Protein backbone atom coordinates (compact mmCIF):
# COMPACT_ATOMS: atom_id res chain seq x y z
CA MET A 1 -33.53 -155.55 -71.81
CA ILE A 2 -31.81 -153.83 -74.75
CA ASN A 3 -31.82 -150.52 -72.89
CA GLU A 4 -30.21 -152.17 -69.85
CA LEU A 5 -27.44 -153.61 -72.03
CA ILE A 6 -26.85 -150.29 -73.76
CA SER A 7 -26.70 -148.50 -70.39
CA GLU A 8 -23.99 -150.99 -69.35
CA GLY A 9 -21.99 -150.10 -72.46
CA ILE A 10 -22.92 -153.21 -74.42
CA THR A 11 -24.23 -152.25 -77.82
CA PRO A 12 -25.87 -154.60 -80.33
CA GLU A 13 -22.76 -154.28 -82.49
CA LYS A 14 -20.54 -155.91 -79.85
CA SER A 15 -19.97 -159.60 -80.28
CA LYS A 16 -21.57 -162.21 -78.08
CA LEU A 17 -18.12 -163.10 -76.74
CA GLU A 18 -17.66 -159.62 -75.34
CA MET A 19 -20.86 -160.02 -73.32
CA CYS A 20 -19.65 -163.21 -71.60
CA LYS A 21 -18.87 -162.56 -67.98
CA THR A 22 -18.74 -165.96 -66.33
CA THR A 23 -16.88 -169.20 -66.65
CA GLU A 24 -20.17 -170.95 -67.35
CA ASP A 25 -20.66 -168.75 -70.40
CA LEU A 26 -17.24 -169.69 -71.73
CA ILE A 27 -17.85 -173.38 -71.06
CA SER A 28 -21.13 -173.14 -72.99
CA ILE A 29 -19.36 -171.48 -75.91
CA LEU A 30 -16.63 -174.14 -75.91
CA LYS A 31 -19.23 -176.93 -75.92
CA GLN A 32 -21.02 -175.35 -78.86
CA TYR A 33 -17.70 -174.86 -80.65
CA SER A 34 -16.92 -178.55 -80.12
CA ASN A 35 -20.30 -179.40 -81.64
CA VAL A 36 -19.36 -177.46 -84.78
CA VAL A 37 -15.96 -179.17 -85.01
CA ARG A 38 -17.48 -182.66 -84.67
CA TYR A 39 -20.30 -181.85 -87.09
CA SER A 40 -17.84 -180.45 -89.64
CA TYR A 41 -15.48 -183.40 -89.29
CA ASN A 42 -18.32 -185.85 -89.95
CA ARG A 43 -19.53 -183.88 -92.98
CA PHE A 44 -15.99 -183.82 -94.43
CA LEU A 45 -15.89 -187.61 -94.03
CA ASN A 46 -19.12 -187.75 -96.04
CA GLY A 47 -17.46 -185.79 -98.86
CA LYS A 48 -19.04 -182.39 -98.30
CA THR A 49 -17.14 -179.22 -99.19
CA GLU A 50 -16.39 -176.36 -96.82
CA LYS A 51 -18.99 -174.20 -98.53
CA ASP A 52 -21.62 -176.96 -98.15
CA ILE A 53 -20.81 -177.33 -94.47
CA ARG A 54 -21.05 -173.59 -93.89
CA GLU A 55 -24.56 -173.65 -95.34
CA LEU A 56 -25.53 -176.80 -93.43
CA SER A 57 -24.23 -175.37 -90.14
CA LYS A 58 -26.82 -172.60 -90.31
CA SER A 59 -29.49 -175.20 -89.55
CA LEU A 60 -27.81 -176.38 -86.33
CA ASN A 61 -29.93 -175.60 -83.29
CA SER A 62 -27.27 -175.77 -80.61
CA ILE A 63 -24.86 -173.02 -81.70
CA ASP A 64 -26.73 -169.85 -80.77
CA LEU A 65 -23.80 -168.42 -78.74
CA LEU A 66 -21.33 -168.65 -81.63
CA ASN A 67 -20.71 -165.86 -84.09
CA SER A 68 -19.86 -166.50 -87.73
CA TRP A 69 -16.11 -166.28 -87.04
CA LEU A 70 -16.19 -169.07 -84.45
CA ILE A 71 -18.36 -171.22 -86.69
CA GLN A 72 -15.85 -170.79 -89.53
CA CYS A 73 -12.96 -171.64 -87.18
CA GLY A 74 -14.82 -174.79 -86.08
CA ILE A 75 -15.25 -175.79 -89.71
CA LYS A 76 -11.53 -175.23 -90.34
CA ASP A 77 -10.65 -177.31 -87.26
CA GLY A 78 -12.94 -180.11 -88.46
CA LYS A 79 -11.15 -180.06 -91.82
CA ALA A 80 -7.75 -180.10 -90.10
CA ILE A 81 -8.72 -183.16 -88.04
CA GLN A 82 -10.03 -184.94 -91.12
CA THR A 83 -6.86 -184.11 -93.07
CA ARG A 84 -4.61 -185.21 -90.21
CA PHE A 85 -6.30 -188.53 -89.48
CA LYS A 86 -7.65 -189.38 -92.98
CA ASN A 87 -9.75 -192.54 -92.53
CA GLU A 88 -8.62 -193.42 -89.00
CA LYS A 89 -11.22 -193.56 -86.24
CA VAL A 90 -11.34 -190.33 -84.24
CA ILE A 91 -12.83 -190.24 -80.74
CA PHE A 92 -13.98 -186.85 -79.56
CA GLY A 93 -13.92 -186.59 -75.80
CA LYS A 94 -11.88 -185.85 -72.75
CA TYR A 95 -8.59 -187.48 -71.91
CA ASN A 96 -10.21 -189.36 -69.03
CA LEU A 97 -12.88 -190.78 -71.33
CA ILE A 98 -10.20 -192.17 -73.63
CA ASN A 99 -8.32 -193.74 -70.71
CA LYS A 100 -11.58 -195.26 -69.42
CA LEU A 101 -12.23 -196.76 -72.85
CA LYS A 102 -8.74 -198.29 -72.75
CA ASN A 103 -9.52 -199.66 -69.25
CA LYS A 104 -6.65 -197.69 -67.75
CA ILE A 105 -8.89 -196.05 -65.15
CA THR A 106 -12.15 -197.04 -63.54
CA LYS A 107 -15.34 -195.02 -63.40
CA LYS A 108 -14.70 -194.30 -59.71
CA ARG A 109 -11.39 -192.59 -60.54
CA ILE A 110 -12.77 -190.27 -63.21
CA PRO A 111 -12.95 -186.77 -61.74
CA THR A 112 -16.18 -184.89 -62.22
CA GLN A 113 -16.46 -181.28 -63.25
């Protein structure tokens, strides 16, 4: 497998993002990034520091496609959300989910992916 990747010009030094070739890969990366943002936000609410969260995020199982830069960006985004909304309730989800919760649209009208 490694030899096939190297023959295609992909070396072990290249980032995982450079190896993504499909939309599904990008969607998977975005979902994992969202997991880091939500996780970080919740840890900041519990009073953890950025350094603590960086260490705790290493134990997450669902972020194998993310490199250290994206994990750090997710932590920063979690901090920004916590700073912006302080102690207000934050709902992570799609726009349609929020409208459904407000009873503005029905389940039948929610488009699927």
